[in-house]
């Protein structure tokens, strides 16, 4: 087909209609080959509520895949528009931190401004509270976690609360 008859914009738009595609670039090389570069949407959380879907890196809803299940934290509880916005903020922070990305497996929404985290190995629940001062809360938590892991006392706690200003408050089993 002559290159003048190709409508590259239309081809890009058709590819971008796929819900798993973030963006597409279609072009012709100097050799006349039709080439495409496609960026896939990346899920960062899986919402398990009345409707089930992923949240992607931009905070947009993304359908579940029939072929693949992403290893991302599962979001449960009282899911509303505001709480999903807050969960997106929490997920972005979790994904930016290597320790949290490896260990957080779930976020439970008690209600707006009250979020709980579930960890992969530990049996305790982390009460995060609201999304204010996330960096300080998680730094305090990591300091607590490091100390408690060193002392081998992590299994003694069932609730770790980061809700209070500059404190980690724990409830023993």
Protein backbone atom coordinates (compact mmCIF):
# COMPACT_ATOMS: atom_id res chain seq x y z
CA UNK A 1 0.00 0.00 0.00
CA UNK A 2 1.44 3.40 -0.80
CA UNK A 3 2.35 5.42 2.27
CA UNK A 4 0.13 8.28 1.10
CA UNK A 5 -2.94 6.05 1.62
CA UNK A 6 -2.02 5.20 5.22
CA UNK A 7 -3.80 7.25 7.88
CA UNK A 8 -1.42 6.88 10.81
CA UNK A 9 -3.58 8.99 13.17
CA UNK A 10 -6.55 6.69 12.64
CA UNK A 11 -4.41 3.60 13.26
CA UNK A 12 -3.14 5.16 16.53
CA UNK A 13 -6.68 6.03 17.64
CA UNK A 14 -7.90 2.49 16.92
CA UNK A 15 -5.06 1.00 18.97
CA UNK A 16 -5.72 3.45 21.82
CA UNK A 17 -9.37 2.31 22.03
CA UNK A 18 -8.07 -0.84 23.72
CA UNK A 19 -8.59 -0.28 27.46
CA UNK A 20 -5.20 -1.80 28.28
CA UNK A 21 -3.29 0.70 26.10
CA UNK A 22 -2.04 3.98 27.57
CA UNK A 23 -0.68 5.44 24.35
CA UNK A 24 0.34 4.39 20.86
CA UNK A 25 2.67 5.83 18.24
CA UNK A 26 2.48 4.55 14.68
CA UNK A 27 4.98 5.61 12.03
CA UNK A 28 6.79 4.56 8.89
CA UNK A 29 10.51 3.89 9.00
CA UNK A 30 12.89 5.05 6.28
CA UNK A 31 12.72 1.50 4.86
CA UNK A 32 8.94 1.83 4.52
CA UNK A 33 8.04 -0.50 7.40
CA UNK A 34 4.97 0.30 9.45
CA UNK A 35 6.07 0.42 13.10
CA UNK A 36 4.15 0.97 16.32
CA UNK A 37 5.22 1.73 19.86
CA UNK A 38 2.56 0.91 22.41
CA UNK A 39 2.65 1.77 26.11
CA UNK A 40 0.56 -0.50 28.28
CA UNK A 41 -1.39 0.83 31.27
CA UNK A 42 0.11 -0.31 34.58
CA UNK A 43 -2.25 -1.28 37.43
CA UNK A 44 -1.23 -0.22 40.95
CA UNK A 45 -4.27 -1.43 42.90
CA UNK A 46 -7.22 -3.79 42.49
CA UNK A 47 -10.63 -2.62 43.69
CA UNK A 48 -12.87 -5.39 45.04
CA UNK A 49 -16.28 -3.86 45.61
CA UNK A 50 -19.64 -3.87 43.85
CA UNK A 51 -17.64 -3.42 40.67
CA UNK A 52 -14.18 -4.89 40.25
CA UNK A 53 -11.41 -3.07 38.42
CA UNK A 54 -7.81 -1.92 38.64
CA UNK A 55 -6.58 1.59 39.38
CA UNK A 56 -3.78 2.52 37.01
CA UNK A 57 -0.71 4.77 37.45
CA UNK A 58 -2.85 7.80 36.53
CA UNK A 59 -5.64 6.99 39.01
CA UNK A 60 -8.05 5.91 36.28
CA UNK A 61 -10.24 2.82 36.28
CA UNK A 62 -8.84 -0.05 34.26
CA UNK A 63 -10.67 -3.32 33.51
CA UNK A 64 -9.48 -6.62 34.90
CA UNK A 65 -7.60 -8.78 32.43
CA UNK A 66 -8.89 -12.20 31.41
CA UNK A 67 -5.31 -13.38 30.85
CA UNK A 68 -3.28 -11.96 33.71
CA UNK A 69 -3.70 -11.06 37.37
CA UNK A 70 -1.45 -8.22 38.51
CA UNK A 71 0.27 -8.53 41.89
CA UNK A 72 -1.00 -5.30 43.40
CA UNK A 73 -2.67 -4.36 46.71
CA UNK A 74 -6.36 -5.23 46.93
CA UNK A 75 -8.69 -2.40 47.95
CA UNK A 76 -11.77 -3.34 49.97
CA UNK A 77 -14.32 -1.65 52.21
CA UNK A 78 -16.39 1.52 51.85
CA UNK A 79 -15.40 2.53 48.30
CA UNK A 80 -16.51 6.01 47.24
CA UNK A 81 -15.16 8.62 44.85
CA UNK A 82 -13.32 10.50 47.62
CA UNK A 83 -11.94 7.35 49.22
CA UNK A 84 -10.64 6.13 45.83
CA UNK A 85 -8.83 9.46 45.36
CA UNK A 86 -7.20 8.99 48.77
CA UNK A 87 -6.36 5.35 48.02
CA UNK A 88 -4.69 6.50 44.80
CA UNK A 89 -2.48 8.86 46.85
CA UNK A 90 -1.59 5.99 49.22
CA UNK A 91 -0.88 3.61 46.31
CA UNK A 92 1.38 6.14 44.60
CA UNK A 93 3.37 6.47 47.83
CA UNK A 94 3.52 2.69 48.32
CA UNK A 95 4.78 2.20 44.75
CA UNK A 96 7.51 4.79 45.25
CA UNK A 97 8.89 2.92 48.28
CA UNK A 98 10.60 -0.44 47.77
CA UNK A 99 9.83 -1.79 51.30
CA UNK A 100 6.14 -0.88 51.13
CA UNK A 101 5.71 -2.10 47.54
CA UNK A 102 7.02 -5.55 48.55
CA UNK A 103 5.02 -5.83 51.79
CA UNK A 104 1.63 -4.08 51.50
CA UNK A 105 -0.96 -6.48 50.05
CA UNK A 106 -4.18 -4.69 50.90
CA UNK A 107 -5.87 -1.41 51.75
CA UNK A 108 -9.17 -1.52 53.62
CA UNK A 109 -11.35 1.60 53.63
CA UNK A 110 -13.13 1.83 56.98
CA UNK A 111 -14.62 5.15 55.87
CA UNK A 112 -13.30 8.32 54.25
CA UNK A 113 -10.15 9.48 56.05
CA UNK A 114 -9.69 6.11 57.80
CA UNK A 115 -7.58 3.56 55.95
CA UNK A 116 -6.01 0.29 57.08
CA UNK A 117 -3.09 -1.54 55.51
CA UNK A 118 -2.54 -5.31 55.43
CA UNK A 119 0.96 -6.69 55.16
CA UNK A 120 2.19 -9.80 53.37
CA UNK A 121 3.88 -11.55 56.31
CA UNK A 122 2.82 -9.81 59.50
CA UNK A 123 -0.51 -10.50 61.22
CA UNK A 124 -1.09 -6.97 62.43
CA UNK A 125 -3.21 -4.30 60.75
CA UNK A 126 -1.79 -0.80 60.27
CA UNK A 127 -4.30 1.97 60.95
CA UNK A 128 -3.14 4.75 58.67
CA UNK A 129 -5.88 7.27 59.40
CA UNK A 130 -6.11 9.91 56.70
CA UNK A 131 -3.67 10.64 53.87
CA UNK A 132 -2.07 13.68 55.53
CA UNK A 133 1.68 13.46 56.28
CA UNK A 134 2.13 10.07 54.60
CA UNK A 135 5.89 10.41 54.42
CA UNK A 136 6.19 11.07 58.16
CA UNK A 137 3.75 8.27 59.02
CA UNK A 138 5.59 5.71 56.90
CA UNK A 139 9.02 6.82 58.12
CA UNK A 140 7.81 6.36 61.71
CA UNK A 141 6.36 2.96 60.79
CA UNK A 142 9.59 1.78 59.13
CA UNK A 143 11.58 2.85 62.20
CA UNK A 144 9.16 0.90 64.43
CA UNK A 145 9.23 -2.11 62.09
CA UNK A 146 13.03 -2.22 61.97
CA UNK A 147 13.30 -2.04 65.78
CA UNK A 148 10.53 -4.59 66.39
CA UNK A 149 11.97 -6.99 63.78
CA UNK A 150 15.39 -6.72 65.41
CA UNK A 151 13.83 -7.43 68.84
CA UNK A 152 11.67 -10.22 67.31
CA UNK A 153 8.48 -8.68 68.76
CA UNK A 154 6.46 -8.10 65.55
CA UNK A 155 4.22 -11.11 66.23
CA UNK A 156 3.16 -9.57 69.57
CA UNK A 157 1.05 -6.85 67.94
CA UNK A 158 -2.37 -6.98 66.30
CA UNK A 159 -2.85 -3.24 65.61
CA UNK A 160 -0.23 -0.65 64.73
CA UNK A 161 -1.65 2.86 64.54
CA UNK A 162 -0.04 5.73 62.64
CA UNK A 163 -3.03 8.05 63.13
CA UNK A 164 -1.50 10.15 65.87
CA UNK A 165 0.93 12.99 65.32
CA UNK A 166 4.53 11.76 65.13
CA UNK A 167 3.77 8.52 67.03
CA UNK A 168 3.38 4.83 66.43
CA UNK A 169 0.84 3.37 68.86
CA UNK A 170 0.58 -0.43 69.09
CA UNK A 171 -1.96 -2.78 70.59
CA UNK A 172 -0.60 -6.10 71.81
CA UNK A 173 -2.39 -9.38 71.26
